[in-house]
Structures are given as C-alpha cells and as structure tokens.
Protein backbone atom coordinates (compact mmCIF):
# COMPACT_ATOMS: atom_id res chain seq x y z
CA UNK A 1 0.39 0.19 -0.22
CA UNK A 2 2.94 2.37 1.04
CA UNK A 3 4.78 1.69 -2.40
CA UNK A 4 1.21 2.39 -4.37
CA UNK A 5 0.92 5.57 -2.47
CA UNK A 6 4.39 6.53 -3.31
CA UNK A 7 4.27 5.37 -7.27
CA UNK A 8 0.95 7.84 -7.28
CA UNK A 9 2.60 10.74 -5.79
CA UNK A 10 5.70 10.26 -8.05
CA UNK A 11 3.19 10.17 -10.94
CA UNK A 12 1.81 13.23 -9.97
CA UNK A 13 4.90 15.30 -9.43
CA UNK A 14 6.00 13.71 -12.64
CA UNK A 15 2.34 14.42 -14.76
CA UNK A 16 1.87 18.02 -13.34
CA UNK A 17 4.59 20.41 -15.06
CA UNK A 18 3.15 18.29 -18.17
CA UNK A 19 -0.63 18.78 -17.31
CA UNK A 20 0.42 22.97 -16.15
CA UNK A 21 1.75 23.13 -19.86
CA UNK A 22 -0.69 21.56 -21.72
CA UNK A 23 -3.18 23.61 -19.85
CA UNK A 24 -1.36 26.96 -20.40
CA UNK A 25 -0.83 25.69 -24.28
CA UNK A 26 -4.61 25.52 -24.63
CA UNK A 27 -5.02 29.26 -23.15
CA UNK A 28 -2.19 30.54 -25.47
CA UNK A 29 -3.52 28.47 -28.81
CA UNK A 30 -6.94 30.21 -28.09
CA UNK A 31 -5.37 33.67 -27.39
CA UNK A 32 -3.81 33.47 -30.93
CA UNK A 33 -6.97 32.24 -32.55
CA UNK A 34 -8.96 35.05 -31.14
CA UNK A 35 -5.85 37.46 -32.51
CA UNK A 36 -6.10 36.38 -35.78
CA UNK A 37 -10.16 36.21 -36.13
CA UNK A 38 -9.87 39.76 -34.70
CA UNK A 39 -7.31 41.02 -37.14
CA UNK A 40 -9.07 39.62 -40.01
CA UNK A 41 -12.71 41.06 -39.26
CA UNK A 42 -10.94 44.60 -38.85
CA UNK A 43 -8.46 44.29 -42.06
CA UNK A 44 -11.28 42.45 -44.02
CA UNK A 45 -14.57 44.31 -42.85
CA UNK A 46 -13.81 47.22 -41.10
CA UNK A 47 -10.58 48.72 -42.84
CA UNK A 48 -11.24 50.82 -46.04
CA UNK A 49 -8.11 49.98 -48.15
CA UNK A 50 -5.69 49.07 -44.85
CA UNK A 51 -6.70 52.00 -43.19
CA UNK A 52 -8.92 53.01 -40.24
CA UNK A 53 -11.16 55.94 -38.53
CA UNK A 54 -12.02 55.63 -34.48
CA UNK A 55 -15.29 54.19 -34.46
CA UNK A 56 -17.98 52.34 -36.19
CA UNK A 57 -21.87 51.66 -36.09
CA UNK A 58 -21.36 47.79 -36.18
CA UNK A 59 -23.27 48.10 -39.73
CA UNK A 60 -20.53 50.10 -40.90
CA UNK A 61 -23.58 52.91 -41.79
CA UNK A 62 -22.00 55.74 -39.63
CA UNK A 63 -18.16 56.10 -38.34
CA UNK A 64 -15.88 58.47 -36.66
CA UNK A 65 -12.43 60.04 -36.15
CA UNK A 66 -12.27 62.91 -33.98
CA UNK A 67 -15.55 63.64 -35.55
CA UNK A 68 -18.05 61.89 -37.85
CA UNK A 69 -16.56 60.73 -40.90
CA UNK A 70 -17.08 59.28 -44.39
CA UNK A 71 -16.88 55.22 -45.12
CA UNK A 72 -13.93 56.52 -47.69
CA UNK A 73 -12.33 58.36 -45.00
CA UNK A 74 -8.67 57.50 -43.58
CA UNK A 75 -7.25 58.94 -40.31
CA UNK A 76 -4.03 59.73 -38.98
CA UNK A 77 -4.85 60.54 -35.69
CA UNK A 78 -4.46 58.16 -32.71
CA UNK A 79 -6.10 56.29 -32.17
CA UNK A 80 -6.56 55.11 -36.02
CA UNK A 81 -4.11 54.17 -38.71
CA UNK A 82 -0.58 54.10 -38.03
CA UNK A 83 -1.63 52.28 -34.15
CA UNK A 84 -3.23 49.78 -35.74
CA UNK A 85 -0.02 49.02 -38.07
CA UNK A 86 2.14 49.61 -34.77
CA UNK A 87 -0.22 46.57 -33.15
CA UNK A 88 0.11 44.16 -36.30
CA UNK A 89 3.93 44.57 -35.92
CA UNK A 90 3.78 43.99 -31.90
CA UNK A 91 1.53 40.58 -33.22
CA UNK A 92 4.02 39.59 -35.64
CA UNK A 93 6.99 39.89 -33.50
CA UNK A 94 4.90 38.04 -30.85
CA UNK A 95 3.82 35.56 -32.89
CA UNK A 96 6.20 34.99 -36.19
CA UNK A 97 3.06 35.11 -38.38
CA UNK A 98 3.88 36.98 -41.54
CA UNK A 99 -0.15 37.04 -41.90
CA UNK A 100 0.15 40.19 -39.15
CA UNK A 101 3.47 42.00 -41.47
CA UNK A 102 1.62 41.25 -44.37
CA UNK A 103 -1.78 43.08 -42.58
CA UNK A 104 0.54 45.92 -41.63
CA UNK A 105 1.72 45.79 -45.38
CA UNK A 106 -1.65 47.31 -46.20
CA UNK A 107 -1.99 49.75 -43.44
CA UNK A 108 1.24 51.41 -44.64
CA UNK A 109 0.33 50.95 -48.11
CA UNK A 110 -2.81 53.38 -47.48
CA UNK A 111 -0.99 55.63 -45.47
CA UNK A 112 1.68 56.09 -48.52
CA UNK A 113 -1.60 56.32 -50.54
CA UNK A 114 -2.43 59.68 -48.03
CA UNK A 115 0.75 61.01 -47.61
CA UNK A 116 1.36 64.74 -48.75
CA UNK A 117 2.94 65.16 -51.33
CA UNK A 118 5.53 67.40 -49.07
CA UNK A 119 6.06 64.44 -47.07
CA UNK A 120 3.93 64.87 -43.92
CA UNK A 121 -0.03 63.98 -43.44
CA UNK A 122 -2.90 65.48 -42.20
CA UNK A 123 -5.55 64.37 -39.71
CA UNK A 124 -7.45 62.53 -42.43
CA UNK A 125 -7.62 61.93 -46.38
CA UNK A 126 -9.89 60.55 -48.28
CA UNK A 127 -9.76 57.95 -50.77
CA UNK A 128 -12.96 59.05 -52.79
CA UNK A 129 -10.57 62.10 -53.53
CA UNK A 130 -9.60 65.64 -52.94
CA UNK A 131 -13.13 67.22 -53.88
CA UNK A 132 -14.79 64.37 -51.58
CA UNK A 133 -12.50 65.47 -48.85
CA UNK A 134 -13.50 69.27 -49.38
CA UNK A 135 -17.16 68.60 -49.40
CA UNK A 136 -16.52 66.93 -46.14
CA UNK A 137 -14.81 70.05 -44.74
CA UNK A 138 -17.23 72.36 -46.27
CA UNK A 139 -19.85 70.74 -44.01
CA UNK A 140 -19.29 68.32 -41.05
CA UNK A 141 -15.64 69.89 -40.13
CA UNK A 142 -16.99 73.54 -40.87
CA UNK A 143 -19.65 72.79 -37.98
CA UNK A 144 -17.96 71.45 -35.37
CA UNK A 145 -18.10 74.89 -33.62
CA UNK A 146 -15.31 73.40 -30.50
CA UNK A 147 -12.94 71.47 -33.45
CA UNK A 148 -11.75 74.85 -34.97
CA UNK A 149 -8.79 73.04 -37.25
CA UNK A 150 -11.58 71.33 -39.35
CA UNK A 151 -13.68 74.70 -39.86
CA UNK A 152 -11.47 75.11 -42.78
CA UNK A 153 -9.21 73.23 -45.55
CA UNK A 154 -5.73 74.19 -45.99
CA UNK A 155 -4.87 71.44 -48.36
CA UNK A 156 -1.39 70.78 -46.17
CA UNK A 157 -0.31 68.41 -43.60
CA UNK A 158 -0.06 68.83 -39.67
CA UNK A 159 1.64 67.90 -36.68
CA UNK A 160 -0.95 68.59 -34.25
CA UNK A 161 -1.77 65.55 -32.61
CA UNK A 162 1.16 63.69 -33.87
CA UNK A 163 -0.55 63.10 -37.08
CA UNK A 164 2.49 62.98 -39.46
CA UNK A 165 5.33 62.00 -36.41
CA UNK A 166 2.84 58.98 -35.86
CA UNK A 167 2.86 58.00 -39.22
CA UNK A 168 6.50 58.77 -40.06
CA UNK A 169 7.57 56.64 -36.92
CA UNK A 170 5.13 53.62 -38.03
CA UNK A 171 6.89 53.61 -41.89
CA UNK A 172 10.14 53.80 -40.03
CA UNK A 173 9.60 50.77 -38.34
CA UNK A 174 7.98 48.75 -41.13
CA UNK A 175 11.36 49.86 -43.31
CA UNK A 176 13.83 48.59 -40.51
CA UNK A 177 11.55 45.46 -40.23
CA UNK A 178 13.32 43.99 -43.15
CA UNK A 179 14.62 46.71 -45.12
CA UNK A 180 11.73 46.35 -47.88
CA UNK A 181 12.62 48.90 -50.37
CA UNK A 182 9.25 49.87 -51.30
CA UNK A 183 9.03 52.11 -48.23
CA UNK A 184 11.81 54.00 -48.47
CA UNK A 185 10.87 56.82 -50.63
CA UNK A 186 7.76 57.42 -48.50
CA UNK A 187 10.19 57.19 -45.40
CA UNK A 188 12.68 59.77 -47.07
CA UNK A 189 9.43 62.05 -47.70
CA UNK A 190 8.80 62.08 -44.33
CA UNK A 191 12.04 62.52 -42.72
CA UNK A 192 13.00 65.45 -45.78
CA UNK A 193 9.31 66.91 -44.75
CA UNK A 194 10.36 67.17 -41.09
CA UNK A 195 14.00 68.90 -41.85
CA UNK A 196 12.75 71.04 -44.49
CA UNK A 197 9.53 72.30 -42.32
CA UNK A 198 11.88 73.06 -38.92
CA UNK A 199 12.82 76.64 -38.51
CA UNK A 200 16.30 77.76 -38.31
CA UNK A 201 16.20 78.48 -34.51
CA UNK A 202 14.73 74.48 -33.88
CA UNK A 203 11.13 74.35 -33.89
CA UNK A 204 8.09 73.78 -35.84
CA UNK A 205 5.11 74.97 -37.21
CA UNK A 206 1.75 73.61 -36.69
CA UNK A 207 0.99 73.15 -40.26
CA UNK A 208 3.42 72.80 -43.03
CA UNK A 209 3.93 73.53 -45.96
CA UNK A 210 2.97 77.13 -44.94
CA UNK A 211 -0.03 78.63 -45.62
CA UNK A 212 -0.80 82.10 -43.97
CA UNK A 213 -4.37 82.43 -45.05
CA UNK A 214 -7.43 81.77 -42.80
CA UNK A 215 -7.52 84.36 -40.57
CA UNK A 216 -9.81 83.66 -37.50
CA UNK A 217 -12.04 86.24 -35.53
CA UNK A 218 -9.90 89.09 -36.69
CA UNK A 219 -6.47 87.20 -35.72
CA UNK A 220 -3.88 85.91 -37.22
CA UNK A 221 -3.83 82.45 -38.82
CA UNK A 222 -1.78 80.47 -36.37
CA UNK A 223 -0.76 77.62 -37.78
CA UNK A 224 2.67 78.89 -38.86
CA UNK A 225 3.52 80.02 -35.23
CA UNK A 226 6.00 77.92 -33.64
CA UNK A 227 4.16 75.40 -31.72
CA UNK A 228 5.22 73.23 -28.34
CA UNK A 229 0.90 72.52 -27.97
CA UNK A 230 0.28 68.77 -28.56
CA UNK A 231 3.67 67.98 -28.23
CA UNK A 232 4.72 69.13 -31.64
CA UNK A 233 8.37 70.02 -31.03
CA UNK A 234 9.06 66.62 -28.98
CA UNK A 235 7.14 64.38 -31.27
CA UNK A 236 9.35 65.47 -34.35
CA UNK A 237 12.18 65.50 -32.22
CA UNK A 238 11.64 61.97 -31.00
CA UNK A 239 10.99 60.99 -34.86
CA UNK A 240 14.53 62.31 -35.89
CA UNK A 241 16.14 60.63 -32.89
CA UNK A 242 14.83 57.34 -33.79
CA UNK A 243 15.83 57.94 -37.26
CA UNK A 244 19.22 58.45 -35.95
CA UNK A 245 19.05 55.56 -34.23
CA UNK A 246 17.80 53.34 -36.13
CA UNK A 247 19.56 54.54 -39.74
CA UNK A 248 22.43 55.96 -38.79
CA UNK A 249 22.23 59.37 -40.47
CA UNK A 250 24.96 61.89 -39.21
CA UNK A 251 23.16 64.54 -40.39
CA UNK A 252 20.20 64.08 -38.06
CA UNK A 253 21.70 64.86 -34.96
CA UNK A 254 22.46 69.12 -35.58
CA UNK A 255 18.56 69.40 -35.95
CA UNK A 256 17.72 67.60 -33.15
CA UNK A 257 20.08 69.30 -30.67
CA UNK A 258 18.41 72.07 -32.57
CA UNK A 259 15.02 71.71 -31.37
CA UNK A 260 16.00 70.43 -27.64
CA UNK A 261 17.85 73.49 -26.90
CA UNK A 262 14.84 75.34 -28.39
CA UNK A 263 12.85 74.39 -25.60
CA UNK A 264 15.26 76.27 -23.00
CA UNK A 265 15.05 79.52 -25.28
CA UNK A 266 10.85 79.41 -25.39
CA UNK A 267 10.75 79.42 -21.21
CA UNK A 268 9.78 83.24 -20.61
CA UNK A 269 11.45 85.58 -18.41
CA UNK A 270 10.86 86.64 -14.89
CA UNK A 271 8.44 87.08 -13.41
CA UNK A 272 6.52 84.13 -15.20
CA UNK A 273 9.52 82.16 -16.38
CA UNK A 274 6.91 79.80 -17.96
CA UNK A 275 6.27 78.40 -21.34
CA UNK A 276 3.39 79.02 -24.03
CA UNK A 277 1.66 76.64 -26.53
CA UNK A 278 2.65 78.64 -29.56
CA UNK A 279 5.05 81.26 -30.58
CA UNK A 280 5.73 84.01 -32.79
CA UNK A 281 8.74 82.93 -35.10
CA UNK A 282 10.42 86.65 -35.23
CA UNK A 283 10.51 86.96 -31.33
CA UNK A 284 9.58 83.97 -29.90
CA UNK A 285 7.15 85.56 -27.95
CA UNK A 286 3.72 83.88 -26.66
CA UNK A 287 1.30 83.77 -29.65
CA UNK A 288 -2.34 82.60 -29.73
CA UNK A 289 -4.24 79.41 -31.38
CA UNK A 290 -7.56 78.34 -31.64
CA UNK A 291 -10.14 81.19 -29.98
CA UNK A 292 -10.60 79.32 -26.86
CA UNK A 293 -6.80 78.93 -26.78
CA UNK A 294 -5.40 82.69 -25.52
CA UNK A 295 -1.93 84.36 -25.86
CA UNK A 296 -0.57 83.76 -22.53
CA UNK A 297 1.89 81.30 -20.28
CA UNK A 298 0.89 77.80 -19.88
CA UNK A 299 0.78 75.56 -17.12
CA UNK A 300 0.21 72.58 -18.42
CA UNK A 301 2.88 73.40 -21.11
CA UNK A 302 4.99 74.80 -18.17
CA UNK A 303 4.92 71.29 -16.46
CA UNK A 304 5.53 69.39 -19.53
CA UNK A 305 8.31 71.51 -20.47
CA UNK A 306 9.68 70.37 -16.71
CA UNK A 307 9.59 67.09 -17.99
CA UNK A 308 10.97 67.37 -21.52
CA UNK A 309 13.87 69.09 -20.17
CA UNK A 310 14.75 66.27 -18.02
CA UNK A 311 14.49 63.88 -20.57
CA UNK A 312 16.85 66.05 -22.51
CA UNK A 313 19.17 65.82 -19.84
CA UNK A 314 19.20 62.29 -19.38
CA UNK A 315 20.14 61.65 -23.08
CA UNK A 316 22.86 64.43 -23.35
CA UNK A 317 24.21 64.96 -19.79
CA UNK A 318 23.81 69.31 -20.85
CA UNK A 319 23.66 70.59 -17.67
CA UNK A 320 21.60 73.62 -19.52
CA UNK A 321 18.78 71.65 -19.87
CA UNK A 322 18.48 72.14 -15.92
CA UNK A 323 18.92 75.28 -15.69
CA UNK A 324 15.62 76.95 -15.76
CA UNK A 325 13.74 74.52 -13.90
CA UNK A 326 13.78 75.74 -10.53
CA UNK A 327 12.36 78.90 -11.74
CA UNK A 328 9.53 77.38 -13.36
CA UNK A 329 8.98 75.45 -10.46
CA UNK A 330 8.48 78.09 -8.15
CA UNK A 331 6.15 79.86 -10.68
CA UNK A 332 3.70 77.51 -10.88
CA UNK A 333 3.57 77.79 -7.42
CA UNK A 334 2.67 80.96 -7.50
CA UNK A 335 -0.09 80.88 -9.32
CA UNK A 336 -1.99 78.61 -6.67
CA UNK A 337 -5.49 79.65 -6.58
CA UNK A 338 -6.77 80.29 -3.13
CA UNK A 339 -9.71 77.76 -1.78
CA UNK A 340 -12.07 80.36 -3.13
CA UNK A 341 -11.65 80.39 -6.64
CA UNK A 342 -11.37 76.30 -6.06
CA UNK A 343 -14.41 76.07 -5.17
CA UNK A 344 -15.94 77.99 -7.93
CA UNK A 345 -13.97 75.78 -10.41
CA UNK A 346 -16.20 73.10 -8.88
CA UNK A 347 -13.75 70.29 -9.66
CA UNK A 348 -11.38 67.46 -7.82
CA UNK A 349 -8.36 65.96 -8.13
CA UNK A 350 -7.29 62.45 -6.77
CA UNK A 351 -4.20 63.60 -5.87
CA UNK A 352 -3.91 65.09 -2.48
CA UNK A 353 -0.17 67.39 -3.29
CA UNK A 354 -1.83 68.97 -6.29
CA UNK A 355 -3.15 72.34 -6.59
CA UNK A 356 -5.10 74.28 -9.16
CA UNK A 357 -3.89 77.57 -10.95
CA UNK A 358 -5.04 78.97 -14.15
CA UNK A 359 -4.25 77.13 -17.50
CA UNK A 360 -3.42 80.66 -19.28
CA UNK A 361 -1.95 83.53 -17.68
CA UNK A 362 -1.56 86.79 -19.38
CA UNK A 363 2.38 87.32 -20.08
CA UNK A 364 2.67 91.12 -19.46
CA UNK A 365 0.12 91.45 -16.19
CA UNK A 366 -0.04 87.70 -14.87
CA UNK A 367 -4.25 87.97 -15.30
CA UNK A 368 -5.67 84.63 -15.42
CA UNK A 369 -7.34 84.16 -18.63
CA UNK A 370 -10.41 81.79 -18.33
CA UNK A 371 -12.74 80.62 -21.19
CA UNK A 372 -16.21 81.09 -21.83
CA UNK A 373 -18.44 81.10 -24.48
CA UNK A 374 -21.92 81.83 -25.69
CA UNK A 375 -23.97 81.35 -28.63
CA UNK A 376 -25.25 77.76 -30.18
CA UNK A 377 -23.14 76.94 -32.78
CA UNK A 378 -20.22 77.83 -34.85
CA UNK A 379 -22.40 80.28 -37.20
CA UNK A 380 -23.87 82.48 -33.90
CA UNK A 381 -21.48 81.73 -31.52
CA UNK A 382 -18.19 83.15 -29.70
CA UNK A 383 -15.15 82.09 -27.20
CA UNK A 384 -14.15 84.76 -25.04
CA UNK A 385 -11.81 84.92 -21.99
CA UNK A 386 -11.89 87.60 -18.74
CA UNK A 387 -10.86 86.76 -15.33
CA UNK A 388 -14.24 84.96 -14.39
CA UNK A 389 -13.12 81.09 -13.27
CA UNK A 390 -17.13 79.93 -13.05
CA UNK A 391 -19.07 78.73 -15.88
CA UNK A 392 -15.80 77.61 -17.88
CA UNK A 393 -15.79 75.94 -21.07
CA UNK A 394 -16.10 72.58 -20.46
CA UNK A 395 -14.42 71.03 -23.41
CA UNK A 396 -11.23 72.34 -22.66
CA UNK A 397 -9.67 73.49 -19.09
CA UNK A 398 -9.39 76.93 -18.27
CA UNK A 399 -7.55 75.80 -15.22
CA UNK A 400 -5.43 72.78 -14.27
CA UNK A 401 -3.99 70.75 -11.21
CA UNK A 402 -0.46 70.52 -10.55
CA UNK A 403 1.88 68.71 -8.40
CA UNK A 404 5.57 70.57 -8.27
CA UNK A 405 6.12 68.64 -5.22
CA UNK A 406 6.41 65.28 -7.47
CA UNK A 407 8.40 67.57 -9.91
CA UNK A 408 10.84 68.95 -7.41
CA UNK A 409 11.52 65.19 -6.34
CA UNK A 410 12.54 63.85 -9.73
CA UNK A 411 14.36 66.79 -10.48
CA UNK A 412 16.74 66.24 -7.12
CA UNK A 413 17.17 62.84 -7.46
CA UNK A 414 18.36 63.47 -10.64
CA UNK A 415 20.95 65.79 -9.67
CA UNK A 416 22.25 63.14 -7.65
CA UNK A 417 23.13 60.88 -10.82
CA UNK A 418 26.24 61.20 -12.81
CA UNK A 419 25.84 62.52 -16.36
CA UNK A 420 27.83 59.70 -17.72
CA UNK A 421 25.98 56.90 -16.33
CA UNK A 422 23.11 59.04 -17.55
CA UNK A 423 24.17 59.02 -20.90
CA UNK A 424 25.92 55.48 -21.34
CA UNK A 425 22.59 54.47 -23.28
CA UNK A 426 21.55 57.23 -24.88
CA UNK A 427 21.15 57.37 -28.83
CA UNK A 428 23.10 60.68 -29.01
CA UNK A 429 25.86 59.02 -26.80
CA UNK A 430 26.73 56.12 -28.92
CA UNK A 431 27.40 55.63 -32.48
CA UNK A 432 25.50 52.01 -32.63
CA UNK A 433 22.50 51.30 -34.79
CA UNK A 434 19.34 49.87 -32.84
CA UNK A 435 17.20 47.83 -34.08
CA UNK A 436 13.08 49.49 -33.91
CA UNK A 437 11.25 46.21 -33.06
CA UNK A 438 10.33 47.42 -29.27
CA UNK A 439 11.49 51.05 -29.44
CA UNK A 440 8.13 52.51 -30.46
CA UNK A 441 4.85 50.62 -30.13
CA UNK A 442 1.86 51.17 -28.70
CA UNK A 443 0.96 47.89 -26.63
CA UNK A 444 1.67 48.41 -23.36
CA UNK A 445 3.76 45.63 -21.22
CA UNK A 446 1.42 44.10 -18.73
CA UNK A 447 0.99 41.42 -16.80
CA UNK A 448 -2.30 39.48 -18.37
CA UNK A 449 -3.73 36.16 -16.55
CA UNK A 450 -5.62 33.35 -17.95
CA UNK A 451 -9.01 35.03 -16.76
CA UNK A 452 -8.27 38.32 -18.37
CA UNK A 453 -7.57 36.22 -22.12
CA UNK A 454 -10.40 34.00 -21.51
CA UNK A 455 -12.56 37.26 -20.75
CA UNK A 456 -11.25 38.75 -23.74
CA UNK A 457 -12.25 35.90 -25.98
CA UNK A 458 -15.68 35.10 -24.17
CA UNK A 459 -16.06 38.96 -25.55
CA UNK A 460 -15.60 38.26 -29.16
CA UNK A 461 -18.71 37.33 -31.41
CA UNK A 462 -18.53 34.79 -34.12
CA UNK A 463 -17.51 36.96 -36.74
CA UNK A 464 -14.16 38.13 -34.34
CA UNK A 465 -15.71 41.46 -33.55
CA UNK A 466 -15.29 43.29 -30.34
CA UNK A 467 -17.88 44.96 -29.90
CA UNK A 468 -18.09 48.16 -27.16
CA UNK A 469 -20.25 50.44 -25.61
CA UNK A 470 -20.79 53.50 -27.99
CA UNK A 471 -18.91 56.84 -25.74
CA UNK A 472 -19.34 59.36 -27.81
CA UNK A 473 -21.59 60.24 -31.21
CA UNK A 474 -22.42 63.67 -33.02
CA UNK A 475 -25.35 65.45 -34.93
CA UNK A 476 -25.87 64.30 -38.58
CA UNK A 477 -24.82 67.62 -40.49
CA UNK A 478 -27.65 69.68 -41.41
CA UNK A 479 -27.46 73.30 -42.79
CA UNK A 480 -27.73 75.77 -40.43
CA UNK A 481 -30.64 78.59 -41.28
CA UNK A 482 -29.82 81.40 -38.71
CA UNK A 483 -26.33 82.76 -38.42
CA UNK A 484 -27.54 85.89 -36.42
CA UNK A 485 -25.27 86.15 -33.27
CA UNK A 486 -26.68 84.33 -30.48
CA UNK A 487 -26.21 85.66 -26.42
CA UNK A 488 -27.48 82.17 -25.25
CA UNK A 489 -26.04 80.72 -22.17
CA UNK A 490 -27.76 77.10 -22.84
CA UNK A 491 -24.25 75.71 -23.92
CA UNK A 492 -21.23 77.23 -22.04
CA UNK A 493 -20.27 74.11 -20.71
CA UNK A 494 -21.46 71.04 -23.03
CA UNK A 495 -19.05 69.59 -25.43
CA UNK A 496 -22.05 70.05 -27.83
CA UNK A 497 -24.25 72.93 -29.06
CA UNK A 498 -27.65 72.77 -30.52
CA UNK A 499 -28.42 69.92 -33.40
CA UNK A 500 -26.42 71.97 -36.15
CA UNK A 501 -22.95 71.92 -34.06
CA UNK A 502 -21.56 68.40 -35.33
CA UNK A 503 -18.82 68.58 -32.30
CA UNK A 504 -18.84 65.01 -30.68
CA UNK A 505 -20.72 64.25 -27.66
CA UNK A 506 -21.02 61.57 -25.09
CA UNK A 507 -23.21 59.69 -25.96
CA UNK A 508 -26.29 58.18 -23.04
CA UNK A 509 -29.00 57.21 -25.63
CA UNK A 510 -28.81 53.39 -24.41
CA UNK A 511 -26.63 50.33 -24.55
CA UNK A 512 -25.67 50.89 -28.56
CA UNK A 513 -22.36 49.27 -29.19
CA UNK A 514 -19.68 50.11 -31.47
CA UNK A 515 -16.70 48.50 -33.54
CA UNK A 516 -13.83 50.25 -32.05
CA UNK A 517 -10.55 50.55 -33.67
CA UNK A 518 -8.93 51.49 -29.73
CA UNK A 519 -10.94 48.74 -27.92
CA UNK A 520 -9.03 46.55 -30.60
CA UNK A 521 -5.34 47.48 -29.94
CA UNK A 522 -6.09 46.99 -26.36
CA UNK A 523 -7.20 43.92 -26.51
CA UNK A 524 -4.81 43.15 -28.65
CA UNK A 525 -2.02 44.37 -26.78
CA UNK A 526 -3.17 42.46 -23.55
CA UNK A 527 -3.48 39.00 -25.73
CA UNK A 528 0.42 40.15 -27.05
CA UNK A 529 1.37 40.33 -24.00
CA UNK A 530 0.12 37.23 -22.23
CA UNK A 531 1.22 34.99 -25.97
CA UNK A 532 4.65 36.56 -25.27
CA UNK A 533 5.02 35.32 -21.59
CA UNK A 534 3.15 32.23 -21.99
C-alpha cells in the first residue's frame, strides 16, 4: 500500500508540469486564434483600403474619427491607422506569423497613398478624392463648433496630435523590419518633410507647407507659429531621434540638438518663467491659437516642458537643460489659486499634493484668462476670456491641477546621478544602430492572466469582432438656417451646441455598441502580452 502511494505521488509530481503546460498551451492557442480572428475582421471588413477611423456602427453606416467621417475617409490621428499598424507589427513579433506583417504592409500602403506631396500627413485623407474631402470640410468639418482645426481646409499637412509623426514612425519601423525598399521613398519623404519644415531656430509650425491664409475672429492664422501644444516639437524631435538611432544618418544629430535646445530658449523670463503653447517666429514670444487658446503662459505646457527638459538632460548630460527648472517650479507655485476660486471651479483632483492654477495667464500682467462661450453653434456663437473662473467651457480646461512636489523630487533625484551614467545608453552618446522592433510600440507591457484572456475571448463574437459600448456620438450634419449672433448661455459648458453643431459629445442614449479601433488595439495588446509571457 505504501509503495502504491509513493508511486502515485511520483506520477503526480512527474505529470503535473506536463498538465500545467498543456493547460497553458490551450489558453495560449485560444489567444492566438482570437488575435487572428479579430485582426481578420478588422482588416477584411472594417478597414478601408487598409486604413481606419476610430469608431464604427456595427453595420458601418456611420463612422467617426475625431469627428463623424465618411466610409472612404482614413484617419491618421490616434487611435487609428498608424496605431493599428504598430499593433500588427507587435503581433508579428510575438507570433512570427507573416500574416500580421502582410497586414501591416497593407496599413503602410494606405498611409503612403494618403501622404501629402510635401511628405507629411493631414488628420485625415479621402480615398474618394480631393473633392470628396473638401466637401467633408465644407459640411461636417466646418460645423464643428469646438473643433476649429477642421473648419478650414488648408490642403497641407499637420504636426498636430502627432498625425505626421505617428505615420512617419510607423513607416520607419516597418522599413527597418525587413528593409523592404518599397517603403523607403515614403520614409525619405517624411524625413525630408520634418527637416524642411523645421525653423532655423529649431522648432516646427503646426502645419506645413506654410499657408497663412485663414485669419479667425480678426486674429492672424496661428498654423505657422512655432508650436509646443500637443507635443509638436517633442514628437518631431523624437522621430528624428529614432531615425538617427536606427538608420545612423549623421546629418540628423544637429537638427535634433537644435530642437532640444530651443525648449530652453522658449522659457519666458521673470516674473512668469513658464512656457506658452505657441510662439511667434520672429521674437519667440507667446502667441494665440484657436479662439479658446488665448495668447498666454500655459501651466499645463510648463509642466510638460519641465519633464521634457529632464528627459533631454538624461539623453545629453547637458546641465543647461536643468537650469530653468527651479524658476519654473517657483512660478507654478506662485500661481496657486485660493480656496474660494477652487470652490468656484468645482472640480476635484485625486492627487492630495496637487493644487489648482490658471491654465493661461496674460504674459504682461499675469492675470488669468478663463475661457467662456456664448451662442449655440459655430455660426452664431463665440468664445471669449476674462478673469471669472466660474461657468468656463467644459471641453477645454481653463485651470489645471499641478503637483510641483513630485516634480521637485524627480529633479533632485536627477541631480544625484552622474551625467556619464545617465547617458551611457543614449542614442546621442552612442554610435551603435538600434533596431526599432521594441523602440516604438502602442503595446503596454502588462501582466495578463488566464482569466483576463478568457474574458477577452468570450467577448469576441462569431465574426471575430469585439463590440464596445458607444461612448461618443455626434449630430448628423445639416445646414444652419440662421447665423444671427446669439447670447444664449444654454451651451456654456457642454461639449456640443444645438442640432447644427457636429462636435462629438458623450453618448447617453442606451446600449448602442460600436466597433472601436482603440478597443481592438487594447485587446490585442493584452493578448500579445499573454502570448509573449506564456
């Protein structure tokens, strides 16, 4: 009896690893099957010639990017076409399945078709042709009250929202994957675009080629200003850095360093040593942008620039990148709003160390500029700013929560690390080429367990589609019959105005489901992480 028990225990110990391995392999196989089915659905049914929008009704009767779209329109603004291309390359690396590489090539071909002749990309392009795209701008685009960047068709490319740089980074990555020469001309055009559009001082305009042809509400067209907003300078710099790191083009180091050092120059002097979202080219002074983005020192951008300077110090070891940080932190702390203003603001922060500051202050007086609006749509309404923090617009923060305690701690820790230790793996300090397979990805490196994988698989329908709850919708376009200026306050803090406003807004109409490009990317990211780790 004793020998039998011993034998049974021995068999259990021997067979358990095989059982566990078989169990893991079963879930892994299911994950691989779900990845393939989900991708085939997105590529074969949802994409348009390899390109994507953000969200679709299940019957594809309506689709949206940042605004409602047409079926033939492809979006470059994330989460859309270049982000899908990136996750496909991630899947290729996780599985070795050439299907994913071929799918990524289709995405790349779509982006190459939509590449502007100058080498950059717009927010969107239309496979139905230029006239179809212009018609979209005249109707849906022009009627989006809070989305002024779509109210005029420039016909050029944009750095805004990383549209050009996201496309360029994906083309760079797919080129270095196998060095397929069919991708090289478009990649070289993109590199030339970034170099040609860079101002001598080091920054970039929001749009290029320059077209100063759309003054708005009596103000100069802002699209040619040097732009920090939405990380225009950091993202363009990062793309060049990736090219320098992976392709070894020696001529890229100088424009990279010129762009990085510009961040130092753009910091304003005392008594308001922060950064603006935009700058006039001739004098590097704060400039306006959209009508709800007044000319001013921006607290949000100042926080981003402090972090950016610390990042550039890690890459270079150059202490000049640290020199302006203490003054910027002191400036942010000087802007702390009193309790009565915080109460009027009415929005809380989950960070106990954060304090509220105005988002914009006037560069000469230091007065806050809180943004308001009146009217009901783009045809009868207007934006304006004053010193009243109450009843500000809801779609764009007029104040911001900042945590200088955490920023100071990061700065002080950085001072303790020898510069040579920081820069030993920097692409700017090394002459070695670095493959880009893992350098740029949309995949989040997270731990995913069996249950999470099974939940993802269970959520997939028989077609391979993951449906998601609809979060945003918009009013279908229709012409506005009355453009008489309005003083209405009904839409002061809403995301959308009346029925003639095509701006997206939060959907509260029930249980409508959509095909979400972002949800596809997130679920693929989880499955890829599981496959890699099992």
